[in-house]
């Protein structure tokens, strides 16, 4: 009965517990060599196994080791890239940023935002909906296609502090991308390795939601 040494050796060199790849590969190759010698010694002398099968099994083991090393290198590179992203984001804490979002956190301060229309609209408005279902309409007027900036003034609109969902109502009734400007307050890395950033006017979002950095506000004179 033929035995595939690659299967046995690969099982020995598996790395489910995060053991160093080089050590696991060395152990797997040693086990493979021992099994190969045993298989050659114990084969039927009247019906010896085709030598090409040994070569094939050696090739399979080498390919397995190469894939394991590649996986280890990819994981290490991903970790380095994530660390670089966190450091880069950390250096921007305190900066004003533009974030893609369909919600906004309001207190008493004005919040700058922008909407990108795919086509012109004679009657355009922003519909703000509170968590209790209360809705307030901010009239934006007649707008051509393109990106348009506007301000949300909670005091003028009579809005209580809280989180509001936003939706643009236009002639076409098409979905309109919205972005909110806010200050980058912090960068956090979760237990699972996921990075999130906290924006004062939006809350926690993924770094990919940031579309622009607009610099830090100048420090006020004491």
N, C-alpha and C. Protein backbone atom coordinates (compact mmCIF):
# COMPACT_ATOMS: atom_id res chain seq x y z
N UNK A 1 0.85 -1.20 0.00
CA UNK A 1 0.00 0.00 0.00
C UNK A 1 0.88 1.24 0.00
N UNK A 2 0.61 2.19 -0.89
CA UNK A 2 1.43 3.38 -1.00
C UNK A 2 1.06 4.38 0.08
N UNK A 3 2.07 5.07 0.57
CA UNK A 3 1.86 6.07 1.59
C UNK A 3 2.34 7.42 1.07
N UNK A 4 1.51 8.45 1.24
CA UNK A 4 1.90 9.79 0.83
C UNK A 4 2.58 10.46 2.01
N UNK A 5 3.90 10.59 1.90
CA UNK A 5 4.66 11.16 3.01
C UNK A 5 4.35 12.63 3.20
N UNK A 6 3.95 13.30 2.12
CA UNK A 6 3.65 14.73 2.23
C UNK A 6 2.52 14.98 3.23
N UNK A 7 1.49 14.11 3.18
CA UNK A 7 0.36 14.29 4.08
C UNK A 7 0.81 14.18 5.53
N UNK A 8 1.62 13.16 5.83
CA UNK A 8 2.08 12.98 7.20
C UNK A 8 3.00 14.12 7.64
N UNK A 9 3.93 14.50 6.79
CA UNK A 9 4.88 15.55 7.15
C UNK A 9 4.19 16.89 7.31
N UNK A 10 3.22 17.17 6.43
CA UNK A 10 2.50 18.44 6.51
C UNK A 10 1.72 18.53 7.80
N UNK A 11 1.14 17.40 8.23
CA UNK A 11 0.40 17.38 9.48
C UNK A 11 1.32 17.70 10.65
N UNK A 12 2.54 17.20 10.59
CA UNK A 12 3.49 17.46 11.66
C UNK A 12 3.94 18.92 11.67
N UNK A 13 3.96 19.54 10.48
CA UNK A 13 4.47 20.91 10.41
C UNK A 13 3.36 21.94 10.46
N UNK A 14 2.11 21.53 10.71
CA UNK A 14 1.01 22.48 10.81
C UNK A 14 1.27 23.44 11.95
N UNK A 15 0.71 24.67 11.83
CA UNK A 15 1.05 25.70 12.80
C UNK A 15 -0.18 26.38 13.38
N UNK A 16 -1.14 25.63 13.95
CA UNK A 16 -2.37 26.24 14.42
C UNK A 16 -2.18 27.12 15.63
N UNK A 17 -1.14 26.90 16.41
CA UNK A 17 -0.97 27.64 17.64
C UNK A 17 -0.07 28.84 17.48
N UNK A 18 0.32 29.16 16.24
CA UNK A 18 1.14 30.33 16.00
C UNK A 18 2.61 30.09 16.27
N UNK A 19 3.10 28.83 16.21
CA UNK A 19 4.51 28.53 16.40
C UNK A 19 5.28 29.09 15.23
N UNK A 20 6.54 29.46 15.43
CA UNK A 20 7.35 30.03 14.36
C UNK A 20 7.39 29.10 13.17
N UNK A 21 7.19 29.67 11.98
CA UNK A 21 7.11 28.87 10.76
C UNK A 21 8.42 28.13 10.51
N UNK A 22 9.55 28.78 10.71
CA UNK A 22 10.82 28.13 10.43
C UNK A 22 11.01 26.87 11.26
N UNK A 23 10.63 26.93 12.55
CA UNK A 23 10.75 25.76 13.42
C UNK A 23 9.84 24.65 12.98
N UNK A 24 8.59 25.01 12.63
CA UNK A 24 7.63 24.00 12.21
C UNK A 24 8.08 23.35 10.91
N UNK A 25 8.61 24.15 9.97
CA UNK A 25 9.06 23.60 8.70
C UNK A 25 10.23 22.65 8.90
N UNK A 26 11.15 23.02 9.81
CA UNK A 26 12.31 22.16 10.07
C UNK A 26 11.87 20.82 10.65
N UNK A 27 10.92 20.87 11.60
CA UNK A 27 10.42 19.63 12.19
C UNK A 27 9.71 18.79 11.14
N UNK A 28 8.93 19.45 10.28
CA UNK A 28 8.21 18.72 9.24
C UNK A 28 9.16 18.06 8.26
N UNK A 29 10.24 18.77 7.90
CA UNK A 29 11.20 18.19 6.95
C UNK A 29 11.94 17.01 7.59
N UNK A 30 12.29 17.12 8.88
CA UNK A 30 12.95 16.00 9.57
C UNK A 30 12.05 14.78 9.59
N UNK A 31 10.76 15.01 9.91
CA UNK A 31 9.82 13.90 9.95
C UNK A 31 9.66 13.29 8.56
N UNK A 32 9.61 14.15 7.54
CA UNK A 32 9.47 13.65 6.18
C UNK A 32 10.67 12.77 5.80
N UNK A 33 11.88 13.21 6.16
CA UNK A 33 13.09 12.44 5.83
C UNK A 33 13.06 11.07 6.50
N UNK A 34 12.65 11.04 7.77
CA UNK A 34 12.57 9.77 8.49
C UNK A 34 11.56 8.83 7.83
N UNK A 35 10.40 9.39 7.47
CA UNK A 35 9.37 8.57 6.84
C UNK A 35 9.81 8.10 5.46
N UNK A 36 10.53 8.96 4.74
CA UNK A 36 11.01 8.59 3.41
C UNK A 36 12.00 7.43 3.49
N UNK A 37 12.93 7.52 4.44
CA UNK A 37 13.91 6.43 4.61
C UNK A 37 13.21 5.14 4.99
N UNK A 38 12.23 5.23 5.91
CA UNK A 38 11.50 4.04 6.33
C UNK A 38 10.72 3.44 5.16
N UNK A 39 10.13 4.31 4.34
CA UNK A 39 9.35 3.81 3.20
C UNK A 39 10.25 3.10 2.19
N UNK A 40 11.45 3.68 1.95
CA UNK A 40 12.38 3.05 0.99
C UNK A 40 12.85 1.69 1.51
N UNK A 41 13.14 1.63 2.81
CA UNK A 41 13.63 0.38 3.39
C UNK A 41 12.56 -0.71 3.38
N UNK A 42 11.32 -0.33 3.59
CA UNK A 42 10.25 -1.31 3.75
C UNK A 42 9.47 -1.58 2.47
N UNK A 43 9.87 -0.99 1.36
CA UNK A 43 9.13 -1.25 0.13
C UNK A 43 9.40 -2.67 -0.38
N UNK A 44 8.50 -3.16 -1.16
CA UNK A 44 8.61 -4.51 -1.72
C UNK A 44 9.74 -4.53 -2.75
N UNK A 45 10.81 -5.30 -2.52
CA UNK A 45 11.93 -5.32 -3.48
C UNK A 45 11.53 -5.85 -4.85
N UNK A 46 10.46 -6.68 -4.89
CA UNK A 46 10.00 -7.22 -6.17
C UNK A 46 9.13 -6.22 -6.93
N UNK A 47 8.64 -5.21 -6.19
CA UNK A 47 7.80 -4.19 -6.83
C UNK A 47 8.13 -2.83 -6.22
N UNK A 48 9.34 -2.34 -6.49
CA UNK A 48 9.76 -1.07 -5.89
C UNK A 48 8.89 0.10 -6.37
N UNK A 49 8.76 1.07 -5.50
CA UNK A 49 7.94 2.24 -5.83
C UNK A 49 8.66 3.11 -6.85
N UNK A 50 7.90 3.73 -7.72
CA UNK A 50 8.45 4.60 -8.75
C UNK A 50 9.19 5.77 -8.09
N UNK A 51 10.48 5.98 -8.39
CA UNK A 51 11.24 7.08 -7.78
C UNK A 51 10.61 8.45 -8.01
N UNK A 52 9.87 8.59 -9.11
CA UNK A 52 9.26 9.89 -9.39
C UNK A 52 8.24 10.27 -8.33
N UNK A 53 7.67 9.24 -7.65
CA UNK A 53 6.72 9.53 -6.59
C UNK A 53 7.41 10.18 -5.40
N UNK A 54 8.64 9.74 -5.10
CA UNK A 54 9.39 10.37 -4.02
C UNK A 54 9.68 11.83 -4.36
N UNK A 55 10.06 12.06 -5.62
CA UNK A 55 10.35 13.43 -6.06
C UNK A 55 9.10 14.30 -5.95
N UNK A 56 7.96 13.72 -6.33
CA UNK A 56 6.71 14.47 -6.27
C UNK A 56 6.37 14.86 -4.83
N UNK A 57 6.60 13.91 -3.89
CA UNK A 57 6.30 14.19 -2.49
C UNK A 57 7.25 15.26 -1.93
N UNK A 58 8.52 15.21 -2.35
CA UNK A 58 9.47 16.25 -1.93
C UNK A 58 9.03 17.62 -2.46
N UNK A 59 8.55 17.63 -3.70
CA UNK A 59 8.08 18.88 -4.30
C UNK A 59 6.88 19.42 -3.54
N UNK A 60 5.95 18.52 -3.17
CA UNK A 60 4.77 18.94 -2.42
C UNK A 60 5.15 19.54 -1.07
N UNK A 61 6.12 18.92 -0.40
CA UNK A 61 6.55 19.43 0.89
C UNK A 61 7.17 20.82 0.74
N UNK A 62 8.00 20.99 -0.28
CA UNK A 62 8.63 22.29 -0.52
C UNK A 62 7.59 23.37 -0.82
N UNK A 63 6.57 23.00 -1.61
CA UNK A 63 5.51 23.96 -1.92
C UNK A 63 4.73 24.33 -0.66
N UNK A 64 4.48 23.33 0.20
CA UNK A 64 3.77 23.60 1.45
C UNK A 64 4.55 24.57 2.33
N UNK A 65 5.88 24.34 2.43
CA UNK A 65 6.72 25.22 3.24
C UNK A 65 6.73 26.64 2.66
N UNK A 66 6.78 26.74 1.33
CA UNK A 66 6.79 28.05 0.69
C UNK A 66 5.49 28.80 0.97
N UNK A 67 4.36 28.09 0.92
CA UNK A 67 3.07 28.72 1.19
C UNK A 67 2.97 29.17 2.64
N UNK A 68 3.50 28.34 3.56
CA UNK A 68 3.47 28.72 4.97
C UNK A 68 4.32 29.96 5.22
N UNK A 69 5.49 30.01 4.60
CA UNK A 69 6.35 31.18 4.75
C UNK A 69 5.70 32.42 4.16
N UNK A 70 5.02 32.25 3.01
CA UNK A 70 4.33 33.38 2.38
C UNK A 70 3.21 33.88 3.27
N UNK A 71 2.45 32.95 3.87
CA UNK A 71 1.36 33.34 4.77
C UNK A 71 1.90 34.10 5.97
N UNK A 72 3.02 33.62 6.52
CA UNK A 72 3.63 34.29 7.66
C UNK A 72 4.09 35.70 7.29
N UNK A 73 4.71 35.83 6.10
CA UNK A 73 5.19 37.13 5.64
C UNK A 73 4.04 38.09 5.40
N UNK A 74 2.96 37.58 4.80
CA UNK A 74 1.78 38.42 4.54
C UNK A 74 1.18 38.94 5.83
N UNK A 75 1.07 38.04 6.84
CA UNK A 75 0.54 38.44 8.14
C UNK A 75 1.41 39.49 8.79
N UNK A 76 2.72 39.31 8.70
CA UNK A 76 3.64 40.29 9.29
C UNK A 76 3.53 41.64 8.60
N UNK A 77 3.42 41.62 7.26
CA UNK A 77 3.28 42.88 6.51
C UNK A 77 1.99 43.60 6.86
N UNK A 78 0.90 42.82 7.03
CA UNK A 78 -0.38 43.42 7.39
C UNK A 78 -0.29 44.09 8.76
N UNK A 79 0.41 43.43 9.69
CA UNK A 79 0.58 44.00 11.02
C UNK A 79 1.38 45.30 10.97
N UNK A 80 2.43 45.31 10.15
CA UNK A 80 3.25 46.52 10.01
C UNK A 80 2.44 47.65 9.39
N UNK A 81 1.65 47.34 8.36
CA UNK A 81 0.83 48.36 7.70
C UNK A 81 -0.20 48.93 8.66
N UNK A 82 -0.80 48.06 9.49
CA UNK A 82 -1.78 48.54 10.46
C UNK A 82 -1.12 49.46 11.48
N UNK A 83 0.07 49.09 11.94
CA UNK A 83 0.80 49.93 12.90
C UNK A 83 1.13 51.29 12.29
N UNK A 84 1.53 51.28 11.01
CA UNK A 84 1.84 52.53 10.33
C UNK A 84 0.59 53.40 10.20
N UNK A 85 -0.55 52.75 9.92
CA UNK A 85 -1.80 53.49 9.78
C UNK A 85 -2.19 54.14 11.11
N UNK A 86 -2.05 53.38 12.21
CA UNK A 86 -2.39 53.92 13.52
C UNK A 86 -1.49 55.10 13.86
N UNK A 87 -0.19 54.97 13.59
CA UNK A 87 0.75 56.06 13.87
C UNK A 87 0.42 57.29 13.03
N UNK A 88 0.11 57.07 11.75
CA UNK A 88 -0.22 58.19 10.87
C UNK A 88 -1.50 58.89 11.33
N UNK A 89 -2.50 58.09 11.70
CA UNK A 89 -3.75 58.67 12.19
C UNK A 89 -3.53 59.38 13.52
N UNK A 90 -2.71 58.78 14.38
CA UNK A 90 -2.45 59.40 15.68
C UNK A 90 -1.82 60.77 15.54
N UNK A 91 -0.98 60.94 14.52
CA UNK A 91 -0.34 62.23 14.30
C UNK A 91 -1.34 63.29 13.85
N UNK A 92 -2.52 62.86 13.39
CA UNK A 92 -3.53 63.79 12.90
C UNK A 92 -4.59 64.12 13.95
N UNK A 93 -4.46 63.56 15.15
CA UNK A 93 -5.44 63.85 16.21
C UNK A 93 -5.46 65.36 16.46
N UNK A 94 -6.66 65.92 16.49
CA UNK A 94 -6.83 67.36 16.64
C UNK A 94 -7.09 68.06 15.32
N UNK A 95 -6.93 67.34 14.21
CA UNK A 95 -7.17 67.93 12.89
C UNK A 95 -8.65 67.92 12.54
N UNK A 96 -9.04 68.86 11.70
CA UNK A 96 -10.39 68.84 11.13
C UNK A 96 -10.38 67.88 9.94
N UNK A 97 -11.37 67.02 9.87
CA UNK A 97 -11.46 66.04 8.79
C UNK A 97 -12.86 66.05 8.20
N UNK A 98 -12.96 65.52 7.01
CA UNK A 98 -14.25 65.36 6.35
C UNK A 98 -14.56 63.87 6.31
N UNK A 99 -15.74 63.49 6.79
CA UNK A 99 -16.09 62.08 6.95
C UNK A 99 -17.38 61.77 6.22
N UNK A 100 -17.37 60.71 5.43
CA UNK A 100 -18.61 60.24 4.82
C UNK A 100 -19.53 59.70 5.91
N UNK A 101 -20.71 60.25 6.02
CA UNK A 101 -21.63 59.82 7.07
C UNK A 101 -23.04 60.29 6.76
N UNK A 102 -24.01 59.46 7.15
CA UNK A 102 -25.41 59.87 7.02
C UNK A 102 -26.01 60.17 8.39
N UNK A 103 -25.14 60.41 9.38
CA UNK A 103 -25.61 60.85 10.68
C UNK A 103 -24.66 61.90 11.24
N UNK A 104 -25.17 62.70 12.18
CA UNK A 104 -24.39 63.77 12.76
C UNK A 104 -24.73 63.89 14.24
N UNK A 105 -23.72 64.20 15.05
CA UNK A 105 -23.93 64.43 16.47
C UNK A 105 -23.90 65.93 16.72
N UNK A 106 -24.99 66.45 17.28
CA UNK A 106 -25.13 67.90 17.46
C UNK A 106 -25.14 68.27 18.94
N UNK A 107 -24.59 69.46 19.24
CA UNK A 107 -24.75 70.07 20.56
C UNK A 107 -25.30 71.47 20.32
N UNK A 108 -24.54 72.50 20.59
CA UNK A 108 -25.01 73.86 20.30
C UNK A 108 -24.18 74.52 19.21
N UNK A 109 -23.14 73.83 18.73
CA UNK A 109 -22.25 74.42 17.74
C UNK A 109 -22.72 74.11 16.32
N UNK A 110 -22.39 75.02 15.40
CA UNK A 110 -22.67 74.76 14.00
C UNK A 110 -21.76 73.64 13.49
N UNK A 111 -22.29 72.83 12.59
CA UNK A 111 -21.53 71.76 11.97
C UNK A 111 -21.53 71.97 10.46
N UNK A 112 -20.35 71.93 9.87
CA UNK A 112 -20.23 72.06 8.43
C UNK A 112 -20.39 70.69 7.77
N UNK A 113 -21.10 70.66 6.65
CA UNK A 113 -21.33 69.40 5.94
C UNK A 113 -21.40 69.69 4.45
N UNK A 114 -21.46 68.64 3.66
CA UNK A 114 -21.59 68.82 2.22
C UNK A 114 -22.36 67.65 1.61
N UNK A 115 -23.05 67.96 0.52
CA UNK A 115 -23.82 66.96 -0.22
C UNK A 115 -23.38 66.99 -1.68
N UNK A 116 -23.32 65.82 -2.30
CA UNK A 116 -22.91 65.72 -3.70
C UNK A 116 -24.08 65.24 -4.54
N UNK A 117 -24.62 66.14 -5.35
CA UNK A 117 -25.78 65.83 -6.18
C UNK A 117 -25.33 65.29 -7.54
N UNK A 118 -25.97 64.22 -7.97
CA UNK A 118 -25.66 63.66 -9.27
C UNK A 118 -26.30 64.41 -10.41
N UNK A 119 -27.36 65.17 -10.10
CA UNK A 119 -28.05 65.99 -11.10
C UNK A 119 -28.62 67.22 -10.41
N UNK A 120 -28.98 68.23 -11.20
CA UNK A 120 -29.51 69.46 -10.62
C UNK A 120 -30.87 69.20 -9.96
N UNK A 121 -31.18 70.06 -8.98
CA UNK A 121 -32.45 69.91 -8.26
C UNK A 121 -33.01 71.30 -7.97
N UNK A 122 -34.25 71.54 -8.40
CA UNK A 122 -34.88 72.85 -8.18
C UNK A 122 -35.26 73.05 -6.72
N UNK A 123 -35.65 71.97 -6.07
CA UNK A 123 -36.03 72.03 -4.65
C UNK A 123 -35.22 70.98 -3.90
N UNK A 124 -34.33 71.46 -3.05
CA UNK A 124 -33.44 70.55 -2.33
C UNK A 124 -33.49 70.88 -0.84
N UNK A 125 -33.54 69.86 -0.02
CA UNK A 125 -33.54 70.09 1.43
C UNK A 125 -32.86 68.92 2.13
N UNK A 126 -32.40 69.19 3.35
CA UNK A 126 -31.79 68.17 4.20
C UNK A 126 -32.78 67.82 5.29
N UNK A 127 -33.10 66.54 5.41
CA UNK A 127 -34.05 66.09 6.42
C UNK A 127 -33.28 65.47 7.57
N UNK A 128 -33.40 66.08 8.75
CA UNK A 128 -32.74 65.60 9.96
C UNK A 128 -33.76 64.88 10.83
N UNK A 129 -33.44 63.65 11.24
CA UNK A 129 -34.36 62.85 12.05
C UNK A 129 -33.70 62.48 13.37
N UNK A 130 -34.35 62.85 14.47
CA UNK A 130 -33.83 62.54 15.80
C UNK A 130 -34.13 61.10 16.17
N UNK A 131 -33.55 60.63 17.28
CA UNK A 131 -33.76 59.25 17.71
C UNK A 131 -35.21 59.00 18.12
N UNK A 132 -35.94 60.06 18.50
CA UNK A 132 -37.35 59.90 18.88
C UNK A 132 -38.29 60.04 17.69
N UNK A 133 -37.73 60.19 16.48
CA UNK A 133 -38.55 60.29 15.28
C UNK A 133 -38.86 61.70 14.85
N UNK A 134 -38.52 62.70 15.67
CA UNK A 134 -38.77 64.09 15.30
C UNK A 134 -37.95 64.45 14.07
N UNK A 135 -38.58 65.14 13.11
CA UNK A 135 -37.90 65.51 11.88
C UNK A 135 -37.89 67.02 11.70
N UNK A 136 -36.76 67.52 11.23
CA UNK A 136 -36.60 68.94 10.94
C UNK A 136 -36.00 69.07 9.54
N UNK A 137 -36.54 69.99 8.76
CA UNK A 137 -36.09 70.17 7.38
C UNK A 137 -35.23 71.43 7.27
N UNK A 138 -34.06 71.27 6.65
CA UNK A 138 -33.18 72.40 6.37
C UNK A 138 -33.21 72.63 4.86
N UNK A 139 -33.79 73.77 4.45
CA UNK A 139 -33.95 74.06 3.03
C UNK A 139 -32.61 74.47 2.43
N UNK A 140 -32.22 73.79 1.35
CA UNK A 140 -30.97 74.09 0.65
C UNK A 140 -31.21 74.84 -0.66
N UNK A 141 -32.47 74.81 -1.14
CA UNK A 141 -32.82 75.58 -2.32
C UNK A 141 -32.51 74.87 -3.63
N UNK A 142 -32.40 75.68 -4.69
CA UNK A 142 -32.11 75.15 -6.03
C UNK A 142 -30.60 74.97 -6.17
N UNK A 143 -30.20 73.74 -6.54
CA UNK A 143 -28.77 73.43 -6.62
C UNK A 143 -28.45 72.72 -7.92
N UNK A 144 -27.33 73.07 -8.55
CA UNK A 144 -26.89 72.32 -9.74
C UNK A 144 -26.20 71.04 -9.30
N UNK A 145 -25.88 70.20 -10.26
CA UNK A 145 -25.15 68.97 -9.94
C UNK A 145 -23.77 69.33 -9.41
N UNK A 146 -23.28 68.50 -8.49
CA UNK A 146 -21.96 68.74 -7.91
C UNK A 146 -22.00 68.71 -6.40
N UNK A 147 -20.89 69.12 -5.79
CA UNK A 147 -20.76 69.11 -4.33
C UNK A 147 -21.07 70.48 -3.77
N UNK A 148 -21.90 70.51 -2.73
CA UNK A 148 -22.35 71.78 -2.14
C UNK A 148 -22.18 71.73 -0.63
N UNK A 149 -21.59 72.79 -0.09
CA UNK A 149 -21.37 72.89 1.35
C UNK A 149 -22.51 73.65 2.00
N UNK A 150 -22.81 73.26 3.23
CA UNK A 150 -23.86 73.95 3.99
C UNK A 150 -23.55 73.79 5.48
N UNK A 151 -24.23 74.59 6.29
CA UNK A 151 -24.04 74.55 7.74
C UNK A 151 -25.31 74.06 8.42
N UNK A 152 -25.14 73.27 9.46
CA UNK A 152 -26.26 72.84 10.29
C UNK A 152 -26.15 73.60 11.61
N UNK A 153 -27.09 74.49 11.86
CA UNK A 153 -27.09 75.31 13.08
C UNK A 153 -28.16 74.78 14.03
N UNK A 154 -27.79 74.00 15.03
CA UNK A 154 -28.78 73.40 15.93
C UNK A 154 -29.64 74.44 16.65
N UNK A 155 -29.04 75.56 17.03
CA UNK A 155 -29.79 76.58 17.76
C UNK A 155 -30.86 77.20 16.87
N UNK A 156 -30.48 77.57 15.64
CA UNK A 156 -31.43 78.19 14.72
C UNK A 156 -32.54 77.22 14.33
N UNK A 157 -32.22 75.92 14.27
CA UNK A 157 -33.21 74.92 13.88
C UNK A 157 -34.00 74.39 15.07
N UNK A 158 -33.63 74.80 16.27
CA UNK A 158 -34.34 74.34 17.46
C UNK A 158 -34.10 72.87 17.76
N UNK A 159 -32.90 72.39 17.47
CA UNK A 159 -32.58 70.97 17.68
C UNK A 159 -31.92 70.75 19.04
N UNK A 160 -32.37 69.73 19.73
CA UNK A 160 -31.78 69.34 21.00
C UNK A 160 -30.48 68.58 20.75
N UNK A 161 -29.54 68.63 21.68
CA UNK A 161 -28.30 67.85 21.53
C UNK A 161 -28.61 66.37 21.36
N UNK A 162 -27.88 65.71 20.47
CA UNK A 162 -28.10 64.29 20.22
C UNK A 162 -27.62 63.89 18.84
N UNK A 163 -27.92 62.65 18.49
CA UNK A 163 -27.51 62.11 17.20
C UNK A 163 -28.69 62.13 16.24
N UNK A 164 -28.46 62.63 15.04
CA UNK A 164 -29.51 62.75 14.03
C UNK A 164 -29.07 62.03 12.75
N UNK A 165 -30.02 61.33 12.13
CA UNK A 165 -29.76 60.77 10.81
C UNK A 165 -30.06 61.85 9.78
N UNK A 166 -29.40 61.78 8.63
CA UNK A 166 -29.55 62.81 7.60
C UNK A 166 -29.90 62.18 6.26
N UNK A 167 -30.73 62.90 5.52
CA UNK A 167 -31.08 62.44 4.17
C UNK A 167 -31.42 63.66 3.32
N UNK A 168 -30.87 63.70 2.11
CA UNK A 168 -31.16 64.80 1.21
C UNK A 168 -32.39 64.46 0.38
N UNK A 169 -33.33 65.39 0.35
CA UNK A 169 -34.54 65.25 -0.48
C UNK A 169 -34.37 66.16 -1.69
N UNK A 170 -34.41 65.56 -2.88
CA UNK A 170 -34.21 66.34 -4.11
C UNK A 170 -35.27 65.97 -5.14
N UNK A 171 -35.23 66.64 -6.29
CA UNK A 171 -36.20 66.36 -7.34
C UNK A 171 -36.13 64.92 -7.82
N UNK A 172 -34.93 64.39 -7.91
CA UNK A 172 -34.76 63.04 -8.46
C UNK A 172 -35.03 61.94 -7.43
N UNK A 173 -35.07 62.32 -6.15
CA UNK A 173 -35.25 61.34 -5.06
C UNK A 173 -34.14 60.29 -5.03
N UNK A 174 -33.02 60.58 -5.71
CA UNK A 174 -31.89 59.65 -5.70
C UNK A 174 -31.11 59.79 -4.40
N UNK A 175 -30.38 58.74 -4.05
CA UNK A 175 -29.55 58.78 -2.86
C UNK A 175 -28.40 59.77 -3.07
N UNK A 176 -28.20 60.65 -2.11
CA UNK A 176 -27.18 61.70 -2.22
C UNK A 176 -26.11 61.47 -1.15
N UNK A 177 -24.85 61.28 -1.57
CA UNK A 177 -23.77 61.09 -0.59
C UNK A 177 -23.59 62.34 0.28
N UNK A 178 -23.41 62.11 1.58
CA UNK A 178 -23.22 63.20 2.53
C UNK A 178 -21.89 63.06 3.24
N UNK A 179 -21.32 64.18 3.61
CA UNK A 179 -20.08 64.17 4.38
C UNK A 179 -20.18 65.25 5.45
N UNK A 180 -19.58 64.98 6.60
CA UNK A 180 -19.64 65.89 7.74
C UNK A 180 -18.22 66.26 8.16
N UNK A 181 -18.02 67.54 8.46
CA UNK A 181 -16.71 67.96 8.95
C UNK A 181 -16.68 67.90 10.47
N UNK A 182 -15.57 67.44 11.02
CA UNK A 182 -15.44 67.36 12.47
C UNK A 182 -13.99 67.25 12.87
N UNK A 183 -13.76 67.23 14.17
CA UNK A 183 -12.40 67.13 14.69
C UNK A 183 -12.07 65.68 15.02
N UNK A 184 -10.89 65.22 14.58
CA UNK A 184 -10.42 63.88 14.91
C UNK A 184 -9.95 63.88 16.36
N UNK A 185 -10.70 63.21 17.23
CA UNK A 185 -10.41 63.24 18.66
C UNK A 185 -9.48 62.12 19.12
N UNK A 186 -9.62 60.92 18.54
CA UNK A 186 -8.81 59.79 19.00
C UNK A 186 -8.76 58.69 17.96
N UNK A 187 -7.76 57.82 18.13
CA UNK A 187 -7.60 56.63 17.29
C UNK A 187 -7.54 55.43 18.21
N UNK A 188 -8.33 54.40 17.93
CA UNK A 188 -8.39 53.24 18.81
C UNK A 188 -8.20 51.96 18.01
N UNK A 189 -7.51 51.00 18.64
CA UNK A 189 -7.34 49.67 18.06
C UNK A 189 -8.06 48.68 18.96
N UNK A 190 -9.07 47.99 18.42
CA UNK A 190 -9.86 47.06 19.20
C UNK A 190 -9.15 45.75 19.45
N UNK A 191 -9.78 44.90 20.27
CA UNK A 191 -9.20 43.60 20.62
C UNK A 191 -8.98 42.74 19.38
N UNK A 192 -9.84 42.90 18.38
CA UNK A 192 -9.71 42.11 17.16
C UNK A 192 -8.74 42.71 16.16
N UNK A 193 -8.10 43.82 16.52
CA UNK A 193 -7.14 44.45 15.62
C UNK A 193 -7.75 45.48 14.70
N UNK A 194 -9.07 45.71 14.80
CA UNK A 194 -9.73 46.69 13.94
C UNK A 194 -9.48 48.10 14.47
N UNK A 195 -9.15 49.00 13.56
CA UNK A 195 -8.88 50.39 13.93
C UNK A 195 -10.12 51.25 13.71
N UNK A 196 -10.44 52.08 14.69
CA UNK A 196 -11.54 53.03 14.57
C UNK A 196 -11.04 54.41 14.98
N UNK A 197 -11.68 55.43 14.43
CA UNK A 197 -11.36 56.80 14.81
C UNK A 197 -12.62 57.46 15.34
N UNK A 198 -12.43 58.38 16.28
CA UNK A 198 -13.58 59.08 16.87
C UNK A 198 -13.58 60.52 16.38
N UNK A 199 -14.70 60.91 15.77
CA UNK A 199 -14.88 62.27 15.25
C UNK A 199 -15.92 62.96 16.12
N UNK A 200 -15.64 64.19 16.56
CA UNK A 200 -16.54 64.83 17.52
C UNK A 200 -17.95 65.05 16.99
N UNK A 201 -18.11 65.23 15.67
CA UNK A 201 -19.43 65.51 15.11
C UNK A 201 -20.13 64.28 14.53
N UNK A 202 -19.46 63.13 14.62
CA UNK A 202 -20.04 61.91 14.03
C UNK A 202 -20.02 60.74 15.01
N UNK A 203 -18.94 60.56 15.73
CA UNK A 203 -18.77 59.39 16.60
C UNK A 203 -17.66 58.51 16.05
N UNK A 204 -17.73 57.22 16.36
CA UNK A 204 -16.70 56.29 15.91
C UNK A 204 -16.99 55.78 14.50
N UNK A 205 -15.97 55.85 13.65
CA UNK A 205 -16.09 55.38 12.26
C UNK A 205 -14.79 54.68 11.88
N UNK A 206 -14.82 53.97 10.76
CA UNK A 206 -13.61 53.35 10.23
C UNK A 206 -12.73 54.43 9.59
N UNK A 207 -11.41 54.27 9.63
CA UNK A 207 -10.53 55.27 9.00
C UNK A 207 -10.85 55.50 7.53
N UNK A 208 -11.37 54.47 6.85
CA UNK A 208 -11.69 54.61 5.42
C UNK A 208 -12.81 55.60 5.17
N UNK A 209 -13.57 55.97 6.22
CA UNK A 209 -14.67 56.93 6.05
C UNK A 209 -14.15 58.35 5.89
N UNK A 210 -12.91 58.59 6.30
CA UNK A 210 -12.33 59.93 6.17
C UNK A 210 -11.95 60.18 4.71
N UNK A 211 -12.47 61.27 4.16
CA UNK A 211 -12.21 61.59 2.76
C UNK A 211 -11.24 62.76 2.59
N UNK A 212 -11.02 63.54 3.66
CA UNK A 212 -10.12 64.68 3.55
C UNK A 212 -9.63 65.11 4.92
N UNK A 213 -8.38 65.55 4.97
CA UNK A 213 -7.80 66.17 6.17
C UNK A 213 -7.69 67.67 5.89
N UNK A 214 -8.20 68.47 6.81
CA UNK A 214 -8.22 69.91 6.59
C UNK A 214 -7.35 70.68 7.58
N UNK A 215 -6.45 69.97 8.22
CA UNK A 215 -5.48 70.63 9.09
C UNK A 215 -6.01 70.92 10.48
N UNK A 216 -5.09 71.31 11.34
CA UNK A 216 -5.44 71.62 12.72
C UNK A 216 -5.75 73.11 12.86
N UNK A 217 -6.74 73.39 13.69
CA UNK A 217 -7.08 74.79 13.94
C UNK A 217 -5.93 75.45 14.70
N UNK A 218 -5.60 76.70 14.38
CA UNK A 218 -4.51 77.37 15.08
C UNK A 218 -4.81 77.51 16.56
N UNK A 219 -3.78 77.32 17.39
CA UNK A 219 -3.96 77.43 18.84
C UNK A 219 -4.32 78.86 19.21
N UNK A 220 -5.29 79.00 20.11
CA UNK A 220 -5.71 80.33 20.53
C UNK A 220 -4.67 80.95 21.45
N UNK A 221 -4.47 82.24 21.32
CA UNK A 221 -3.49 82.93 22.16
C UNK A 221 -3.99 83.02 23.58
N UNK A 222 -3.10 82.81 24.54
CA UNK A 222 -3.48 82.88 25.96
C UNK A 222 -3.35 84.32 26.43
